[in-house]
Amino acid sequence: FACGCLVAMKESCGCLGRLAEVMMKWKFFVIGGWALAICVLGPFAPGFAQAATVTVEPPSGTQGYDALMQYRRYFPHLALTADYSGLLQVPSGRVLDTPGLADFSD
């Protein structure tokens, strides 16, 4: 083989060296194996994406639930795309005057 790194693989781990030789000799078999894996597992990909999606609704009657309802009321076009909604309370004055608020909002 032209690649000198293959010799280093053989010296460090015999199994890896043999695997590297097989992969270099039968490279189309490796590509075919990946193609087969994609064909077999590909149809399950949308189901995996749906199962991996996390949606958490706050319990009704909590401040988080009330904040989410207000958010949906004022921003209905963003209600389904919001990643986070929070409740910010200030003892007096306006919420918009809170220092550092611009770092967390648009």
Protein backbone atom coordinates (compact mmCIF):
# COMPACT_ATOMS: atom_id res chain seq x y z
CA PHE A 1 0.00 0.00 0.00
CA ALA A 2 1.16 3.52 -0.75
CA CYS A 3 -0.04 4.94 2.54
CA GLY A 4 2.54 4.76 5.31
CA CYS A 5 -0.10 5.32 8.01
CA LEU A 6 -1.46 1.82 7.39
CA VAL A 7 1.74 0.34 8.78
CA ALA A 8 1.32 2.40 11.96
CA MET A 9 -2.24 1.09 12.33
CA LYS A 10 -1.06 -2.50 12.01
CA GLU A 11 1.57 -1.99 14.67
CA SER A 12 -0.77 -0.37 17.20
CA CYS A 13 -3.75 -2.70 16.78
CA GLY A 14 -3.82 -5.78 14.61
CA CYS A 15 -7.59 -5.72 14.22
CA LEU A 16 -7.56 -2.14 12.96
CA GLY A 17 -4.81 -2.93 10.51
CA ARG A 18 -6.74 -5.86 9.08
CA LEU A 19 -9.93 -3.78 8.94
CA ALA A 20 -8.07 -1.02 7.10
CA GLU A 21 -6.74 -3.52 4.56
CA VAL A 22 -10.22 -4.96 3.96
CA MET A 23 -11.74 -1.50 3.60
CA MET A 24 -9.07 -0.40 1.12
CA LYS A 25 -9.41 -3.59 -0.92
CA TRP A 26 -13.21 -3.70 -0.86
CA LYS A 27 -14.03 0.03 -0.85
CA PHE A 28 -17.10 -0.41 -3.04
CA PHE A 29 -18.43 -2.95 -0.54
CA VAL A 30 -18.11 -0.33 2.21
CA ILE A 31 -19.95 2.27 0.11
CA GLY A 32 -22.60 -0.32 -0.74
CA GLY A 33 -22.98 -1.17 2.94
CA TRP A 34 -23.62 2.46 3.77
CA ALA A 35 -26.10 2.75 0.89
CA LEU A 36 -27.91 -0.34 2.16
CA ALA A 37 -28.01 1.06 5.69
CA ILE A 38 -29.49 4.32 4.38
CA CYS A 39 -32.12 2.46 2.35
CA VAL A 40 -33.11 0.27 5.29
CA LEU A 41 -33.04 2.91 8.02
CA GLY A 42 -34.01 5.98 5.96
CA PRO A 43 -37.78 5.44 6.18
CA PHE A 44 -37.54 5.52 9.98
CA ALA A 45 -35.80 8.93 10.07
CA PRO A 46 -38.99 11.06 10.14
CA GLY A 47 -40.36 8.98 13.00
CA PHE A 48 -37.12 9.45 14.92
CA ALA A 49 -37.25 13.21 14.44
CA GLN A 50 -40.83 13.27 15.70
CA ALA A 51 -40.01 11.09 18.71
CA ALA A 52 -36.97 13.22 19.57
CA THR A 53 -38.97 16.47 19.64
CA VAL A 54 -39.54 17.74 23.15
CA THR A 55 -42.55 19.87 23.92
CA VAL A 56 -43.26 20.92 27.46
CA GLU A 57 -46.42 22.73 28.38
CA PRO A 58 -46.44 24.33 31.82
CA PRO A 59 -49.18 23.11 34.17
CA SER A 60 -52.32 25.23 34.06
CA GLY A 61 -52.69 27.69 36.90
CA THR A 62 -48.97 28.40 37.17
CA GLN A 63 -47.24 31.67 36.35
CA GLY A 64 -45.43 29.99 33.47
CA TYR A 65 -48.76 28.93 31.97
CA ASP A 66 -50.15 32.46 32.35
CA ALA A 67 -47.02 33.89 30.68
CA LEU A 68 -47.35 31.44 27.79
CA MET A 69 -51.02 32.35 27.29
CA GLN A 70 -50.15 36.05 27.25
CA TYR A 71 -47.39 35.36 24.75
CA ARG A 72 -49.80 33.48 22.51
CA ARG A 73 -52.31 36.32 22.87
CA TYR A 74 -49.90 39.07 21.81
CA PHE A 75 -47.75 37.08 19.38
CA PRO A 76 -50.03 34.47 17.77
CA HIS A 77 -47.83 34.21 14.66
CA LEU A 78 -44.85 33.21 16.84
CA ALA A 79 -46.71 31.06 19.37
CA LEU A 80 -45.79 27.77 17.73
CA THR A 81 -42.18 28.72 16.98
CA ALA A 82 -41.12 30.11 20.36
CA ASP A 83 -38.35 28.13 22.00
CA TYR A 84 -38.73 29.81 25.35
CA SER A 85 -41.21 31.98 27.15
CA GLY A 86 -40.56 33.46 30.56
CA LEU A 87 -42.20 35.63 33.13
CA LEU A 88 -40.34 38.75 34.18
CA GLN A 89 -41.69 40.73 37.11
CA VAL A 90 -40.36 44.02 38.41
CA PRO A 91 -41.22 45.56 41.80
CA SER A 92 -42.02 48.93 40.23
CA GLY A 93 -41.76 50.71 36.92
CA ARG A 94 -41.79 49.24 33.46
CA VAL A 95 -40.40 45.84 32.53
CA LEU A 96 -38.78 47.36 29.44
CA ASP A 97 -36.60 49.54 31.69
CA THR A 98 -34.95 46.49 33.27
CA PRO A 99 -31.16 46.65 32.84
CA GLY A 100 -29.79 43.92 30.57
CA LEU A 101 -33.19 42.98 29.11
CA ALA A 102 -31.98 43.76 25.59
CA ASP A 103 -29.46 40.92 25.90
CA PHE A 104 -32.31 38.39 26.08
CA SER A 105 -34.88 39.81 23.67
CA ASP A 106 -35.13 41.15 20.13
